[in-house]
């Protein structure tokens, strides 16, 4: 099996070498310090030679231990291997490496006339026994560090997958809500056209043309959840033109949206249900002229949209204007999916008569970094 040399592997090898060298230097300082209190003081040269050599030997074993740690992880049924098999593999490997590193250490660091060269199995066994605790500790630490990094990587991957799933869920929910809203709007518009077919065929034909243009815009924006406020006002103007054919001069509309706010991003088709609610349950109940006002304001980083009318206002009496209908409930759901807790949709009566629907949402434009918008959804999730 060939392992091509890459920058990543070189970086990892350099990092391991630096870590084990630092460990050897620290151990050398400790050895020199502790032996200074004994009858046989150890020089700096001997401390460095002994401890750095021992550290480098374990550093050479580190890739094998890391590979085994990844392949034989201390998890139940990891890669269909029983936990006892994993324990046996690591205990056996640890024992072999402790013996091997200690033997090589003695061969490398002992001078030719040292006692080690008068080899006996008893001497080797006692030498290994004295330092086995250090070997067990080093092997265990390598396993622990590898497992910690693996679990952290798995945790980060889980967070990323959860965020992706949350985004996909929000998109699917928004798409489902829009699919509910479009047929609802189409049904109401066709009802308006059917009322005009016999009374005024020419206006009915004109209304059908406007409806065709509206449907074209709906299809063009079907996969877009947010549009500039200027595009939303364009769609609203087409819808209101359809409604004016029914109400004639009884309906007047005032649009008060400053130029600097027309590029603000808003949910696609967010104003139409509010205006429709104002017309059907407010102005539509009046016998005289009615008006509807659509305004936009900015307070700090919050965009406020208002739809006001001079209709009958809100009431809980049966058959009167509801505070939550089909279109309004879908709008609330879309706002919740897009902005989480950073939004609101409230209806209230005005002291001067009529009612007001008020939407608040984060102010953002196409130039706003997507991270800001993503953070709103992550906070919600």
Protein backbone atom coordinates (compact mmCIF):
# COMPACT_ATOMS: atom_id res chain seq x y z
CA UNK A 1 0.00 0.00 0.00
CA UNK A 2 1.48 3.31 -1.06
CA UNK A 3 1.01 6.56 0.88
CA UNK A 4 1.87 9.54 -1.36
CA UNK A 5 3.51 12.46 0.39
CA UNK A 6 1.12 15.40 0.51
CA UNK A 7 1.17 18.73 2.28
CA UNK A 8 -1.43 17.50 4.75
CA UNK A 9 0.64 14.46 5.67
CA UNK A 10 3.80 16.57 5.94
CA UNK A 11 1.98 19.02 8.21
CA UNK A 12 0.71 16.20 10.43
CA UNK A 13 4.17 14.61 10.61
CA UNK A 14 5.74 17.95 11.52
CA UNK A 15 3.12 18.55 14.20
CA UNK A 16 3.69 15.08 15.72
CA UNK A 17 7.46 15.60 15.71
CA UNK A 18 7.07 18.97 17.44
CA UNK A 19 4.69 17.54 20.07
CA UNK A 20 6.94 14.59 20.95
CA UNK A 21 10.05 16.77 20.97
CA UNK A 22 8.32 19.17 23.37
CA UNK A 23 7.34 16.21 25.54
CA UNK A 24 10.95 14.97 25.53
CA UNK A 25 12.30 18.39 26.50
CA UNK A 26 9.80 18.69 29.35
CA UNK A 27 10.68 15.20 30.60
CA UNK A 28 14.40 16.06 30.36
CA UNK A 29 13.88 19.15 32.52
CA UNK A 30 11.97 17.08 35.09
CA UNK A 31 14.62 14.35 35.16
CA UNK A 32 17.44 16.84 35.56
CA UNK A 33 15.52 18.56 38.37
CA UNK A 34 14.65 15.38 40.31
CA UNK A 35 18.10 13.77 39.96
CA UNK A 36 19.69 16.98 41.27
CA UNK A 37 18.32 16.01 44.71
CA UNK A 38 19.87 12.53 44.59
CA UNK A 39 23.43 11.32 45.06
CA UNK A 40 23.81 10.74 41.32
CA UNK A 41 22.98 14.03 39.59
CA UNK A 42 22.16 13.80 35.88
CA UNK A 43 23.70 16.28 33.48
CA UNK A 44 21.65 18.19 30.96
CA UNK A 45 23.27 16.22 28.14
CA UNK A 46 22.25 12.86 29.64
CA UNK A 47 18.75 14.14 30.48
CA UNK A 48 18.18 15.28 26.92
CA UNK A 49 19.68 12.12 25.43
CA UNK A 50 17.56 9.78 27.52
CA UNK A 51 14.22 11.59 27.54
CA UNK A 52 14.16 12.93 23.97
CA UNK A 53 15.17 9.50 22.65
CA UNK A 54 12.37 7.82 24.61
CA UNK A 55 9.88 10.45 23.40
CA UNK A 56 10.92 10.05 19.76
CA UNK A 57 10.56 6.26 19.99
CA UNK A 58 6.95 6.68 21.10
CA UNK A 59 6.51 9.33 18.44
CA UNK A 60 7.58 6.77 15.84
CA UNK A 61 4.92 4.40 17.20
CA UNK A 62 2.26 7.13 17.19
CA UNK A 63 1.02 6.66 13.56
CA UNK A 64 0.43 2.94 14.24
CA UNK A 65 -1.46 3.71 17.45
CA UNK A 66 -3.58 6.37 15.73
CA UNK A 67 -4.42 3.93 12.94
CA UNK A 68 -5.42 1.24 15.42
CA UNK A 69 -7.43 3.76 17.45
CA UNK A 70 -9.42 4.70 14.37
CA UNK A 71 -9.89 1.09 13.27
CA UNK A 72 -10.58 -0.36 16.72
CA UNK A 73 -12.61 2.30 18.48
CA UNK A 74 -13.94 1.90 22.01
CA UNK A 75 -17.57 1.84 20.92
CA UNK A 76 -20.13 -0.90 21.05
CA UNK A 77 -20.38 -2.72 17.71
CA UNK A 78 -17.91 -0.35 16.03
CA UNK A 79 -17.54 -1.74 12.49
CA UNK A 80 -19.36 -4.84 13.76
CA UNK A 81 -16.47 -5.66 16.12
CA UNK A 82 -17.22 -6.70 19.71
CA UNK A 83 -15.83 -4.43 22.38
CA UNK A 84 -13.78 -7.27 23.88
CA UNK A 85 -11.93 -7.68 20.57
CA UNK A 86 -11.04 -3.98 20.58
CA UNK A 87 -9.77 -4.17 24.16
CA UNK A 88 -7.69 -7.28 23.37
CA UNK A 89 -6.12 -5.63 20.30
CA UNK A 90 -5.13 -2.50 22.19
CA UNK A 91 -3.83 -4.33 25.26
CA UNK A 92 -1.74 -6.65 23.08
CA UNK A 93 -0.39 -3.81 20.92
CA UNK A 94 0.38 -1.69 23.98
CA UNK A 95 2.32 -4.55 25.58
CA UNK A 96 4.39 -5.14 22.44
CA UNK A 97 5.16 -1.43 22.02
CA UNK A 98 6.19 -1.02 25.66
CA UNK A 99 8.67 -3.89 25.32
CA UNK A 100 9.88 -2.71 21.92
CA UNK A 101 10.40 0.95 22.86
CA UNK A 102 12.17 0.09 26.10
CA UNK A 103 14.47 -2.41 24.36
CA UNK A 104 15.36 0.05 21.59
CA UNK A 105 15.83 2.79 24.18
CA UNK A 106 18.37 0.68 26.06
CA UNK A 107 20.23 -0.21 22.87
CA UNK A 108 20.40 3.42 21.69
CA UNK A 109 21.22 5.19 24.95
CA UNK A 110 23.49 2.65 26.69
CA UNK A 111 27.24 2.87 25.97
CA UNK A 112 29.04 -0.30 24.78
CA UNK A 113 30.46 -1.00 28.22
CA UNK A 114 27.17 -0.54 30.04
CA UNK A 115 25.41 -3.20 32.04
CA UNK A 116 22.78 -3.60 29.31
CA UNK A 117 25.30 -5.23 27.00
CA UNK A 118 25.73 -7.96 29.61
CA UNK A 119 22.20 -8.99 28.64
CA UNK A 120 19.97 -11.12 30.77
CA UNK A 121 16.23 -11.58 30.49
CA UNK A 122 15.82 -10.68 34.14
CA UNK A 123 17.48 -7.31 33.69
CA UNK A 124 15.34 -6.52 30.64
CA UNK A 125 12.17 -7.58 32.43
CA UNK A 126 12.93 -5.39 35.46
CA UNK A 127 13.74 -2.42 33.20
CA UNK A 128 10.46 -2.82 31.36
CA UNK A 129 8.53 -3.30 34.58
CA UNK A 130 9.92 -0.10 36.10
CA UNK A 131 8.89 2.05 33.10
CA UNK A 132 5.71 0.21 32.05
CA UNK A 133 3.47 2.73 33.80
CA UNK A 134 4.86 5.51 31.59
CA UNK A 135 4.24 3.38 28.49
CA UNK A 136 0.66 2.63 29.53
CA UNK A 137 0.06 6.32 30.18
CA UNK A 138 1.49 7.42 26.81
CA UNK A 139 -0.46 4.79 24.86
CA UNK A 140 -3.68 5.69 26.68
CA UNK A 141 -3.14 9.41 26.10
CA UNK A 142 -2.68 8.87 22.36
CA UNK A 143 -5.91 6.84 22.23
CA UNK A 144 -7.74 9.47 24.27
CA UNK A 145 -6.57 12.36 22.08
CA UNK A 146 -7.48 10.52 18.88
CA UNK A 147 -10.94 9.65 20.20
CA UNK A 148 -11.47 13.24 21.36
CA UNK A 149 -10.65 14.66 17.93
CA UNK A 150 -12.81 12.03 16.22
CA UNK A 151 -15.81 12.76 18.44
CA UNK A 152 -15.36 16.52 18.02
CA UNK A 153 -15.23 16.13 14.23
CA UNK A 154 -18.33 13.95 14.38
CA UNK A 155 -20.04 16.57 16.54
CA UNK A 156 -19.19 19.36 14.08
CA UNK A 157 -20.42 17.22 11.18
CA UNK A 158 -23.64 16.58 13.06
CA UNK A 159 -24.16 20.31 13.61
CA UNK A 160 -23.55 20.99 9.91
CA UNK A 161 -25.96 18.25 8.84
CA UNK A 162 -28.56 19.50 11.33
CA UNK A 163 -28.25 23.03 9.93
CA UNK A 164 -28.65 21.71 6.38
CA UNK A 165 -31.69 19.68 7.40
CA UNK A 166 -33.17 22.71 9.15
CA UNK A 167 -32.66 24.81 6.00
CA UNK A 168 -34.20 22.15 3.77
CA UNK A 169 -37.12 21.77 6.17
CA UNK A 170 -37.73 25.52 6.13
CA UNK A 171 -37.63 25.56 2.33
CA UNK A 172 -40.02 22.64 2.08
CA UNK A 173 -42.38 24.27 4.59
CA UNK A 174 -42.32 27.59 2.74
CA UNK A 175 -42.95 25.87 -0.57
CA UNK A 176 -45.91 23.98 0.90
CA UNK A 177 -47.35 27.18 2.37
CA UNK A 178 -46.99 29.02 -0.95
CA UNK A 179 -48.66 26.13 -2.77
CA UNK A 180 -51.59 26.55 -0.37
CA UNK A 181 -51.70 30.32 -0.77
CA UNK A 182 -51.68 30.47 -4.59
CA UNK A 183 -54.81 28.35 -5.10
CA UNK A 184 -56.55 30.35 -2.38
CA UNK A 185 -55.75 33.62 -4.14
CA UNK A 186 -56.65 32.19 -7.54
CA UNK A 187 -60.03 30.99 -6.28
CA UNK A 188 -60.91 34.44 -4.93
CA UNK A 189 -59.78 36.17 -8.13
CA UNK A 190 -61.76 33.81 -10.34
CA UNK A 191 -64.77 34.48 -8.15
CA UNK A 192 -64.34 38.20 -8.88
CA UNK A 193 -64.05 37.54 -12.63
CA UNK A 194 -67.13 35.33 -12.66
CA UNK A 195 -69.14 38.16 -11.12
CA UNK A 196 -68.05 40.48 -13.97
CA UNK A 197 -68.57 38.14 -16.90
CA UNK A 198 -72.28 38.89 -17.25
CA UNK A 199 -72.25 42.43 -15.87
CA UNK A 200 -69.30 43.85 -17.83
CA UNK A 201 -67.59 41.44 -20.26
CA UNK A 202 -65.02 44.05 -21.28
CA UNK A 203 -63.83 44.56 -17.71
CA UNK A 204 -63.87 40.79 -17.20
CA UNK A 205 -61.55 40.41 -20.19
CA UNK A 206 -59.28 43.13 -18.82
CA UNK A 207 -59.24 41.40 -15.44
CA UNK A 208 -58.32 38.09 -17.04
CA UNK A 209 -55.36 39.80 -18.74
CA UNK A 210 -54.20 41.18 -15.39
CA UNK A 211 -54.65 37.75 -13.81
CA UNK A 212 -52.55 36.20 -16.57
CA UNK A 213 -49.75 38.65 -15.84
CA UNK A 214 -50.03 37.91 -12.15
CA UNK A 215 -49.79 34.18 -12.73
CA UNK A 216 -46.70 34.74 -14.87
CA UNK A 217 -45.06 36.60 -11.98
CA UNK A 218 -46.10 33.86 -9.57
CA UNK A 219 -44.45 31.23 -11.76
CA UNK A 220 -41.33 33.32 -12.21
CA UNK A 221 -40.99 33.73 -8.43
CA UNK A 222 -42.31 30.31 -7.43
CA UNK A 223 -38.93 29.13 -6.12
CA UNK A 224 -37.97 32.46 -4.55
CA UNK A 225 -38.84 32.99 -0.92
CA UNK A 226 -37.84 36.65 -0.72
CA UNK A 227 -38.11 39.48 -3.25
CA UNK A 228 -37.34 43.21 -3.12
CA UNK A 229 -40.19 45.27 -1.73
CA UNK A 230 -40.45 47.03 -5.12
CA UNK A 231 -41.29 43.68 -6.78
CA UNK A 232 -43.83 42.93 -4.05
CA UNK A 233 -45.49 46.32 -4.69
CA UNK A 234 -45.59 45.55 -8.41
CA UNK A 235 -47.48 42.31 -7.73
CA UNK A 236 -49.74 44.13 -5.29
CA UNK A 237 -50.54 46.80 -7.90
CA UNK A 238 -51.68 44.10 -10.37
CA UNK A 239 -53.86 42.53 -7.71
CA UNK A 240 -55.38 45.88 -6.76
CA UNK A 241 -56.08 46.62 -10.41
CA UNK A 242 -58.15 43.44 -10.47
CA UNK A 243 -60.02 44.49 -7.34
CA UNK A 244 -60.66 48.00 -8.67
CA UNK A 245 -62.62 46.49 -11.56
CA UNK A 246 -65.08 45.21 -8.98
CA UNK A 247 -65.19 48.19 -6.62
CA UNK A 248 -64.76 50.85 -9.33
CA UNK A 249 -64.46 54.27 -7.64
CA UNK A 250 -65.33 52.97 -4.18
CA UNK A 251 -61.75 51.81 -3.55
CA UNK A 252 -58.69 54.07 -3.32
CA UNK A 253 -55.21 52.94 -2.42
CA UNK A 254 -52.31 54.94 -0.94
CA UNK A 255 -48.76 53.60 -1.15
CA UNK A 256 -46.29 55.26 1.21
CA UNK A 257 -42.96 53.46 0.74
CA UNK A 258 -39.77 55.58 0.65
CA UNK A 259 -37.37 54.91 -2.21
CA UNK A 260 -34.61 53.80 0.16
CA UNK A 261 -36.83 50.98 1.49
CA UNK A 262 -37.97 49.60 -1.86
CA UNK A 263 -34.87 47.39 -2.09
CA UNK A 264 -35.57 45.75 1.28
CA UNK A 265 -36.08 41.99 1.00
CA UNK A 266 -39.53 40.76 2.05
CA UNK A 267 -41.30 37.38 1.76
CA UNK A 268 -42.73 36.82 -1.68
CA UNK A 269 -46.48 37.58 -1.72
CA UNK A 270 -46.57 38.83 1.86
CA UNK A 271 -48.68 41.98 1.32
CA UNK A 272 -51.38 40.49 -0.91
CA UNK A 273 -53.11 38.43 1.85
CA UNK A 274 -53.16 41.49 4.15
CA UNK A 275 -54.63 43.72 1.47
CA UNK A 276 -57.11 41.02 0.48
CA UNK A 277 -58.17 40.71 4.12
CA UNK A 278 -58.61 44.50 4.35
CA UNK A 279 -60.73 44.56 1.19
CA UNK A 280 -62.95 41.55 1.86
CA UNK A 281 -63.57 42.14 5.57
CA UNK A 282 -63.04 45.89 5.82
CA UNK A 283 -63.70 48.07 2.80
CA UNK A 284 -65.96 45.45 1.20
CA UNK A 285 -68.42 45.76 4.10
CA UNK A 286 -68.81 49.51 3.59
CA UNK A 287 -71.51 50.97 1.42
CA UNK A 288 -69.51 54.13 0.80
CA UNK A 289 -65.99 54.81 -0.46
CA UNK A 290 -63.15 53.02 1.25
CA UNK A 291 -59.42 53.36 1.24
CA UNK A 292 -56.41 51.19 1.96
CA UNK A 293 -52.97 52.43 2.88
CA UNK A 294 -49.74 50.44 2.48
CA UNK A 295 -46.70 51.90 4.26
CA UNK A 296 -43.15 50.82 5.08
CA UNK A 297 -40.87 52.17 7.81
CA UNK A 298 -37.46 51.29 9.18
CA UNK A 299 -36.56 51.34 12.87
CA UNK A 300 -32.91 50.46 13.38
CA UNK A 301 -32.47 47.02 11.82
CA UNK A 302 -36.21 46.29 11.77
CA UNK A 303 -38.52 46.74 8.79
CA UNK A 304 -42.17 47.51 9.55
CA UNK A 305 -44.94 47.02 6.97
CA UNK A 306 -48.41 48.43 7.66
CA UNK A 307 -51.69 47.80 5.84
CA UNK A 308 -54.43 50.12 7.07
CA UNK A 309 -58.07 50.48 6.03
CA UNK A 310 -61.15 52.45 7.04
CA UNK A 311 -63.44 49.46 7.19
CA UNK A 312 -65.48 48.12 10.08
CA UNK A 313 -62.49 47.06 12.11
CA UNK A 314 -61.95 43.87 14.06
CA UNK A 315 -64.73 42.21 15.97
CA UNK A 316 -65.25 38.83 17.60
CA UNK A 317 -68.89 38.74 16.71
CA UNK A 318 -69.89 35.87 14.36
CA UNK A 319 -69.77 36.76 10.68
CA UNK A 320 -67.58 39.81 11.11
CA UNK A 321 -63.95 40.39 10.22
CA UNK A 322 -61.67 37.63 11.59
CA UNK A 323 -58.34 38.29 13.20
CA UNK A 324 -56.89 35.12 11.68
CA UNK A 325 -58.05 33.67 8.37
CA UNK A 326 -56.60 31.23 5.88
CA UNK A 327 -54.34 33.78 4.18
CA UNK A 328 -53.25 35.33 7.48
CA UNK A 329 -52.39 31.98 9.07
CA UNK A 330 -50.26 31.04 6.06
CA UNK A 331 -48.52 34.43 6.20
CA UNK A 332 -47.74 33.90 9.88
CA UNK A 333 -46.33 30.48 9.09
CA UNK A 334 -44.10 31.84 6.33
CA UNK A 335 -42.77 34.62 8.56
CA UNK A 336 -42.05 32.10 11.31
CA UNK A 337 -40.18 29.82 8.91
CA UNK A 338 -38.07 32.63 7.48
CA UNK A 339 -37.26 34.72 10.54
CA UNK A 340 -38.10 32.63 13.61
CA UNK A 341 -38.69 34.85 16.66
CA UNK A 342 -37.42 37.96 14.84
CA UNK A 343 -40.82 38.76 13.32
CA UNK A 344 -44.44 39.46 14.17
CA UNK A 345 -47.83 39.91 12.52
CA UNK A 346 -50.43 41.78 14.55
CA UNK A 347 -53.88 43.18 13.79
CA UNK A 348 -55.49 45.98 15.78
CA UNK A 349 -58.38 48.40 15.60
CA UNK A 350 -57.68 52.09 15.02
CA UNK A 351 -59.21 54.78 17.20
CA UNK A 352 -60.28 56.63 14.05
CA UNK A 353 -62.03 53.53 12.72
CA UNK A 354 -60.84 50.70 10.58
CA UNK A 355 -58.02 48.28 11.29
CA UNK A 356 -54.29 47.94 10.83
CA UNK A 357 -52.17 44.89 10.06
CA UNK A 358 -48.56 45.35 11.15
CA UNK A 359 -45.62 43.14 10.13
CA UNK A 360 -42.13 43.42 11.62
CA UNK A 361 -39.10 41.58 10.24
CA UNK A 362 -35.32 42.04 10.02
CA UNK A 363 -34.26 44.69 7.55
CA UNK A 364 -31.95 43.29 4.92
CA UNK A 365 -31.17 43.89 1.25
CA UNK A 366 -29.48 41.85 -1.46
CA UNK A 367 -26.16 43.30 -0.27
CA UNK A 368 -26.72 42.06 3.29
CA UNK A 369 -24.33 39.17 4.04
CA UNK A 370 -26.11 35.83 3.98
CA UNK A 371 -24.47 34.91 7.30
CA UNK A 372 -26.71 37.44 9.04
CA UNK A 373 -29.80 35.85 7.58
CA UNK A 374 -28.55 32.32 8.33
CA UNK A 375 -27.90 33.28 11.95
CA UNK A 376 -31.56 34.24 12.35
CA UNK A 377 -32.65 30.76 11.32
CA UNK A 378 -29.99 29.05 13.45
CA UNK A 379 -31.13 31.10 16.46
CA UNK A 380 -34.68 29.99 15.75
CA UNK A 381 -33.68 26.37 15.42
